[in-house]
Amino acid sequence: MAKIEIYSSPFCGYCHRAKRLLSTKGASFTEIDVIADPTRKAEMVKRANGGRTVPQIFINGVHVGGSDDLHALDRQGKLDAMLAASA
């Protein structure tokens, strides 16, 4: 199973949307709340090559992008293969 990390905020609708898609796929993920732990925001920006908005999603260490990017991968039929690959 893939290692999935999501930098998020509890008030973010896009974060909830991305997590819902992953959950419907049966994927487990680690959620990093940048509001509860603000020091993680700088880590997120660095890992996401300057991306400052949440969510920022990583699958097996690869930056996928945000919720719209995740849904685009699903529409293109690429997400399931990424989720099946192990870290």
Protein backbone atom coordinates (compact mmCIF):
# COMPACT_ATOMS: atom_id res chain seq x y z
CA MET A 1 0.00 0.00 0.00
CA ALA A 2 1.16 3.51 -0.77
CA LYS A 3 2.38 5.92 1.89
CA ILE A 4 0.11 8.96 1.67
CA GLU A 5 0.65 12.23 3.51
CA ILE A 6 -1.78 15.14 3.44
CA TYR A 7 -0.94 18.56 4.84
CA SER A 8 -4.31 20.01 5.76
CA SER A 9 -6.44 22.30 7.89
CA PRO A 10 -9.66 21.30 9.67
CA PHE A 11 -11.48 24.25 8.07
CA CYS A 12 -10.55 23.41 4.47
CA GLY A 13 -13.28 22.07 2.19
CA TYR A 14 -10.72 20.98 -0.42
CA CYS A 15 -8.91 18.97 2.27
CA HIS A 16 -12.14 17.17 3.18
CA ARG A 17 -12.82 16.51 -0.51
CA ALA A 18 -9.37 14.96 -1.05
CA LYS A 19 -9.63 12.83 2.09
CA ARG A 20 -13.09 11.65 1.07
CA LEU A 21 -11.78 10.49 -2.34
CA LEU A 22 -8.90 8.62 -0.72
CA SER A 23 -11.23 7.05 1.83
CA THR A 24 -13.60 5.82 -0.89
CA LYS A 25 -10.58 4.17 -2.50
CA GLY A 26 -9.80 2.42 0.80
CA ALA A 27 -6.50 4.27 1.12
CA SER A 28 -5.12 5.14 4.53
CA PHE A 29 -3.21 8.38 4.95
CA THR A 30 -1.32 10.43 7.49
CA GLU A 31 -2.85 13.84 8.03
CA ILE A 32 -0.60 16.71 9.08
CA ASP A 33 -2.66 19.57 10.50
CA VAL A 34 -0.77 22.81 9.76
CA ILE A 35 -3.10 24.77 12.06
CA ALA A 36 -2.51 22.55 15.10
CA ASP A 37 1.24 22.43 14.39
CA PRO A 38 2.26 25.63 12.53
CA THR A 39 5.91 24.54 12.33
CA ARG A 40 4.82 21.91 9.82
CA LYS A 41 3.64 24.63 7.40
CA ALA A 42 7.23 25.59 6.53
CA GLU A 43 8.00 21.91 5.98
CA MET A 44 4.99 21.65 3.66
CA VAL A 45 6.00 24.71 1.62
CA LYS A 46 9.52 23.35 1.17
CA ARG A 47 8.35 19.87 0.17
CA ALA A 48 5.67 21.28 -2.15
CA ASN A 49 8.17 23.51 -3.99
CA GLY A 50 6.56 26.68 -2.68
CA GLY A 51 2.96 25.46 -2.48
CA ARG A 52 1.35 27.38 0.38
CA THR A 53 -2.27 26.29 0.19
CA VAL A 54 -3.77 23.17 1.72
CA PRO A 55 -4.12 20.41 0.97
CA GLN A 56 -0.71 19.41 -0.29
CA ILE A 57 -0.69 15.69 -1.00
CA PHE A 58 2.25 13.31 -1.29
CA ILE A 59 2.04 9.70 -2.42
CA ASN A 60 5.16 7.63 -1.77
CA GLY A 61 7.09 10.87 -1.32
CA VAL A 62 5.98 12.26 -4.70
CA HIS A 63 4.20 15.60 -4.61
CA VAL A 64 0.80 15.13 -6.23
CA GLY A 65 -0.48 18.66 -5.57
CA GLY A 66 -3.85 19.63 -4.15
CA SER A 67 -7.36 18.25 -4.21
CA ASP A 68 -8.03 19.23 -7.82
CA ASP A 69 -4.79 17.51 -8.89
CA LEU A 70 -5.74 14.36 -6.97
CA HIS A 71 -9.17 14.27 -8.61
CA ALA A 72 -7.59 14.86 -12.04
CA LEU A 73 -5.36 11.82 -11.50
CA ASP A 74 -8.45 9.80 -10.65
CA ARG A 75 -10.29 10.97 -13.77
CA GLN A 76 -7.24 10.06 -15.89
CA GLY A 77 -7.21 6.57 -14.38
CA LYS A 78 -3.76 7.07 -12.81
CA LEU A 79 -4.64 7.33 -9.12
CA ASP A 80 -5.43 3.66 -8.47
CA ALA A 81 -1.99 2.57 -9.72
CA MET A 82 -0.30 5.16 -7.53
CA LEU A 83 -2.27 3.99 -4.50
CA ALA A 84 -1.42 0.34 -5.20
CA ALA A 85 2.34 0.98 -5.40
CA SER A 86 4.25 0.47 -2.18
CA ALA A 87 6.61 3.04 -0.78
